[in-house]
Amino acid sequence: MNARDASDATSGATAGATSAATADAAAESRPPRRPRTAARMRRFRQLSARRWSGLQVLVLEDDDSGLAAAAARLGARAHWHGVAAASADRRDLLPFREASFELVLCPRLAAQPAPAERLLAEAARVLKHRGRLLYDAVAPPLLARARPPGCLPPAETREMLAAVGLTPGAVCGLSRWWPLPAGLRPVAYAGVAAADKPGIY
């Protein structure tokens, strides 16, 4: 191999490495794809482990994602309520009486206009005894120096659920190898929490 061929080979290898590094950086910065309504409902139904027919269901969403319509097709009495940022300062974030719903669906927990803590506290308030909160969120990359907007670690979510009186339950979407991919990119997950309100139905 002459000097020119060696130079060309070195340039090609450098270009390939640069291209791979650029692709890796783009993959790390790319946000996770939003689950489609059908996929989200499959997860929620799996986590709820109960029939939805006749249940009072509240969907908390900043825009109409179709979850309320999907719940209605399952026979639920579904209500959709958008949470506006301006309503975060109100005493009651949700305009419903205590113990009004058997199920509360909260997609994109950390990306809602209201703080996640307030939203979970209000969900706990409007749930009936043995009601279920079904939520999904995005876990931040473990290796990120700063938490990306709209991300919430699963452990922090469980702490907030317990703080508002809800019992954290199963979580899906995070495999046993979650820390490995989560170190490189955000990972979507879904979970369930139960309301324990003896004497309140």
Protein backbone atom coordinates (compact mmCIF):
# COMPACT_ATOMS: atom_id res chain seq x y z
CA MET A 1 0.00 0.00 0.00
CA ASN A 2 1.50 3.34 -1.07
CA ALA A 3 1.24 6.62 0.87
CA ARG A 4 -1.79 7.82 -1.10
CA ASP A 5 -3.74 4.61 -0.46
CA ALA A 6 -2.88 4.77 3.24
CA SER A 7 -4.07 8.38 3.38
CA ASP A 8 -7.35 7.49 1.68
CA ALA A 9 -7.93 4.58 4.08
CA THR A 10 -7.25 6.81 7.09
CA SER A 11 -9.64 9.48 5.78
CA GLY A 12 -12.34 6.88 5.19
CA ALA A 13 -11.99 5.45 8.69
CA THR A 14 -12.13 8.96 10.22
CA ALA A 15 -15.22 9.85 8.20
CA GLY A 16 -16.89 6.59 9.25
CA ALA A 17 -16.15 7.21 12.92
CA THR A 18 -17.42 10.78 12.68
CA SER A 19 -20.63 9.60 10.99
CA ALA A 20 -21.19 6.95 13.67
CA ALA A 21 -20.59 9.47 16.45
CA THR A 22 -23.04 11.88 14.83
CA ALA A 23 -25.68 9.14 14.57
CA ASP A 24 -25.16 8.17 18.22
CA ALA A 25 -25.53 11.78 19.33
CA ALA A 26 -28.71 12.15 17.31
CA ALA A 27 -30.13 8.96 18.83
CA GLU A 28 -29.41 10.22 22.36
CA SER A 29 -31.09 13.58 21.76
CA ARG A 30 -34.09 12.13 19.94
CA PRO A 31 -37.19 12.09 22.20
CA PRO A 32 -39.07 8.79 22.58
CA ARG A 33 -41.96 8.29 20.21
CA ARG A 34 -45.34 9.03 21.75
CA PRO A 35 -47.31 5.82 22.18
CA ARG A 36 -50.33 5.55 19.94
CA THR A 37 -53.72 5.55 21.60
CA ALA A 38 -54.26 1.83 20.94
CA ALA A 39 -50.88 0.87 22.42
CA ARG A 40 -51.44 3.12 25.42
CA MET A 41 -54.88 1.62 26.06
CA ARG A 42 -53.48 -1.92 25.86
CA ARG A 43 -50.97 -1.05 28.56
CA PHE A 44 -53.58 0.65 30.74
CA ARG A 45 -56.02 -2.26 30.40
CA GLN A 46 -53.24 -4.71 31.28
CA LEU A 47 -52.31 -2.70 34.37
CA SER A 48 -55.88 -2.13 35.55
CA ALA A 49 -56.67 -5.87 35.54
CA ARG A 50 -60.44 -5.25 35.57
CA ARG A 51 -63.38 -4.82 33.20
CA TRP A 52 -64.06 -1.23 32.22
CA SER A 53 -67.75 -1.62 31.39
CA GLY A 54 -69.85 0.75 33.51
CA LEU A 55 -66.87 2.34 35.27
CA GLN A 56 -66.57 6.08 35.77
CA VAL A 57 -63.30 6.98 34.03
CA LEU A 58 -61.55 10.36 34.00
CA VAL A 59 -58.93 11.09 31.33
CA LEU A 60 -56.47 13.90 32.17
CA GLU A 61 -54.92 15.23 29.01
CA ASP A 62 -53.88 18.64 27.73
CA ASP A 63 -55.28 17.75 24.31
CA ASP A 64 -57.85 15.16 23.26
CA SER A 65 -55.65 12.13 22.55
CA GLY A 66 -58.59 9.80 21.93
CA LEU A 67 -58.24 7.95 25.23
CA ALA A 68 -61.70 9.00 26.40
CA ALA A 69 -63.28 7.72 23.19
CA ALA A 70 -61.32 4.46 23.49
CA ALA A 71 -62.51 4.03 27.09
CA ALA A 72 -66.10 4.70 26.02
CA ARG A 73 -65.86 1.97 23.38
CA LEU A 74 -65.04 -0.42 26.23
CA GLY A 75 -68.32 0.52 27.92
CA ALA A 76 -66.89 2.99 30.42
CA ARG A 77 -68.56 6.28 31.30
CA ALA A 78 -65.59 8.34 30.24
CA HIS A 79 -64.92 12.02 30.93
CA TRP A 80 -62.12 14.01 29.34
CA HIS A 81 -60.64 17.00 31.17
CA GLY A 82 -57.79 19.14 29.89
CA VAL A 83 -55.50 20.51 32.58
CA ALA A 84 -54.64 24.13 31.78
CA ALA A 85 -51.47 25.72 33.13
CA ALA A 86 -53.57 28.58 34.51
CA SER A 87 -55.55 26.18 36.71
CA ALA A 88 -52.43 25.01 38.59
CA ASP A 89 -52.90 27.78 41.18
CA ARG A 90 -56.47 26.78 42.01
CA ARG A 91 -57.18 25.01 45.28
CA ASP A 92 -58.92 22.19 43.42
CA LEU A 93 -57.09 21.54 40.19
CA LEU A 94 -59.89 19.26 38.96
CA PRO A 95 -63.52 20.45 39.05
CA PHE A 96 -64.87 17.17 40.45
CA ARG A 97 -66.05 16.07 43.87
CA GLU A 98 -64.03 13.72 46.02
CA ALA A 99 -64.37 10.02 45.23
CA SER A 100 -66.03 10.50 41.82
CA PHE A 101 -64.16 8.01 39.62
CA GLU A 102 -63.10 4.36 39.61
CA LEU A 103 -60.29 4.99 37.11
CA VAL A 104 -58.16 8.03 36.36
CA LEU A 105 -55.95 7.94 33.24
CA CYS A 106 -53.00 10.32 33.21
CA PRO A 107 -50.83 10.06 30.09
CA ARG A 108 -47.49 11.92 29.90
CA LEU A 109 -47.44 12.61 33.62
CA ALA A 110 -44.40 14.88 33.69
CA ALA A 111 -45.38 16.71 30.47
CA GLN A 112 -48.74 17.99 31.73
CA PRO A 113 -49.20 21.78 32.17
CA ALA A 114 -49.67 21.35 35.95
CA PRO A 115 -46.89 20.01 38.24
CA ALA A 116 -46.90 16.24 38.59
CA GLU A 117 -47.24 16.47 42.39
CA ARG A 118 -50.41 18.56 42.16
CA LEU A 119 -51.86 16.34 39.48
CA LEU A 120 -51.27 13.16 41.49
CA ALA A 121 -52.76 14.72 44.63
CA GLU A 122 -55.90 15.70 42.73
CA ALA A 123 -56.13 12.27 41.11
CA ALA A 124 -55.98 10.73 44.58
CA ARG A 125 -58.74 13.08 45.75
CA VAL A 126 -61.21 12.23 42.97
CA LEU A 127 -60.59 8.47 43.05
CA LYS A 128 -63.04 6.22 44.86
CA HIS A 129 -62.01 3.58 47.39
CA ARG A 130 -60.06 0.87 45.55
CA GLY A 131 -59.94 3.07 42.47
CA ARG A 132 -56.94 2.98 40.17
CA LEU A 133 -54.69 5.64 38.71
CA LEU A 134 -53.14 4.59 35.39
CA TYR A 135 -50.30 6.77 34.17
CA ASP A 136 -47.39 6.81 31.81
CA ALA A 137 -44.22 8.87 31.84
CA VAL A 138 -40.70 9.00 30.43
CA ALA A 139 -37.62 8.00 32.41
CA PRO A 140 -34.63 10.29 31.76
CA PRO A 141 -31.29 8.92 30.54
CA LEU A 142 -29.24 7.93 33.59
CA LEU A 143 -26.09 9.38 32.06
CA ALA A 144 -27.62 12.77 31.27
CA ARG A 145 -26.04 15.69 33.12
CA ALA A 146 -29.37 17.49 33.29
CA ARG A 147 -32.88 16.03 33.28
CA PRO A 148 -34.57 16.60 29.91
CA PRO A 149 -37.94 18.41 30.04
CA GLY A 150 -40.92 16.11 30.47
CA CYS A 151 -38.95 13.27 32.07
CA LEU A 152 -39.58 11.69 35.48
CA PRO A 153 -37.57 8.86 37.09
CA PRO A 154 -39.69 5.85 38.14
CA ALA A 155 -38.39 5.98 41.73
CA GLU A 156 -39.42 9.63 42.04
CA THR A 157 -42.85 8.81 40.63
CA ARG A 158 -43.35 6.11 43.28
CA GLU A 159 -42.32 8.53 46.03
CA MET A 160 -44.83 11.12 44.85
CA LEU A 161 -47.60 8.50 44.62
CA ALA A 162 -46.95 7.37 48.19
CA ALA A 163 -46.80 11.00 49.39
CA VAL A 164 -50.37 11.67 48.17
CA GLY A 165 -51.76 8.47 49.70
CA LEU A 166 -51.74 6.20 46.66
CA THR A 167 -50.21 2.73 46.76
CA PRO A 168 -47.76 2.27 43.85
CA GLY A 169 -48.29 -0.94 41.88
CA ALA A 170 -46.87 -2.64 38.81
CA VAL A 171 -44.84 -0.79 36.19
CA CYS A 172 -44.43 -1.96 32.61
CA GLY A 173 -42.15 -0.80 29.83
CA LEU A 174 -38.97 -1.10 31.92
CA SER A 175 -37.20 -4.42 31.52
CA ARG A 176 -34.60 -5.83 33.89
CA TRP A 177 -32.00 -4.24 31.62
CA TRP A 178 -33.59 -0.77 31.84
CA PRO A 179 -30.49 0.95 33.33
CA LEU A 180 -28.45 0.06 30.25
CA PRO A 181 -30.59 1.71 27.52
CA ALA A 182 -31.75 4.37 29.96
CA GLY A 183 -28.16 5.51 30.25
CA LEU A 184 -28.26 6.41 26.57
CA ARG A 185 -31.80 7.57 25.83
CA PRO A 186 -35.18 8.28 27.50
CA VAL A 187 -37.40 5.25 28.11
CA ALA A 188 -41.21 5.33 28.26
CA TYR A 189 -42.96 3.41 31.04
CA ALA A 190 -46.49 3.01 32.43
CA GLY A 191 -47.73 2.21 35.91
CA VAL A 192 -50.71 1.80 38.22
CA ALA A 193 -51.46 3.04 41.74
CA ALA A 194 -54.37 2.18 44.03
CA ALA A 195 -56.48 4.41 46.26
CA ASP A 196 -57.26 3.06 49.72
CA LYS A 197 -60.15 5.06 51.18
CA PRO A 198 -62.16 2.90 53.57
CA GLY A 199 -65.62 4.34 54.11
CA ILE A 200 -65.48 6.58 51.01
CA TYR A 201 -67.27 5.21 47.92
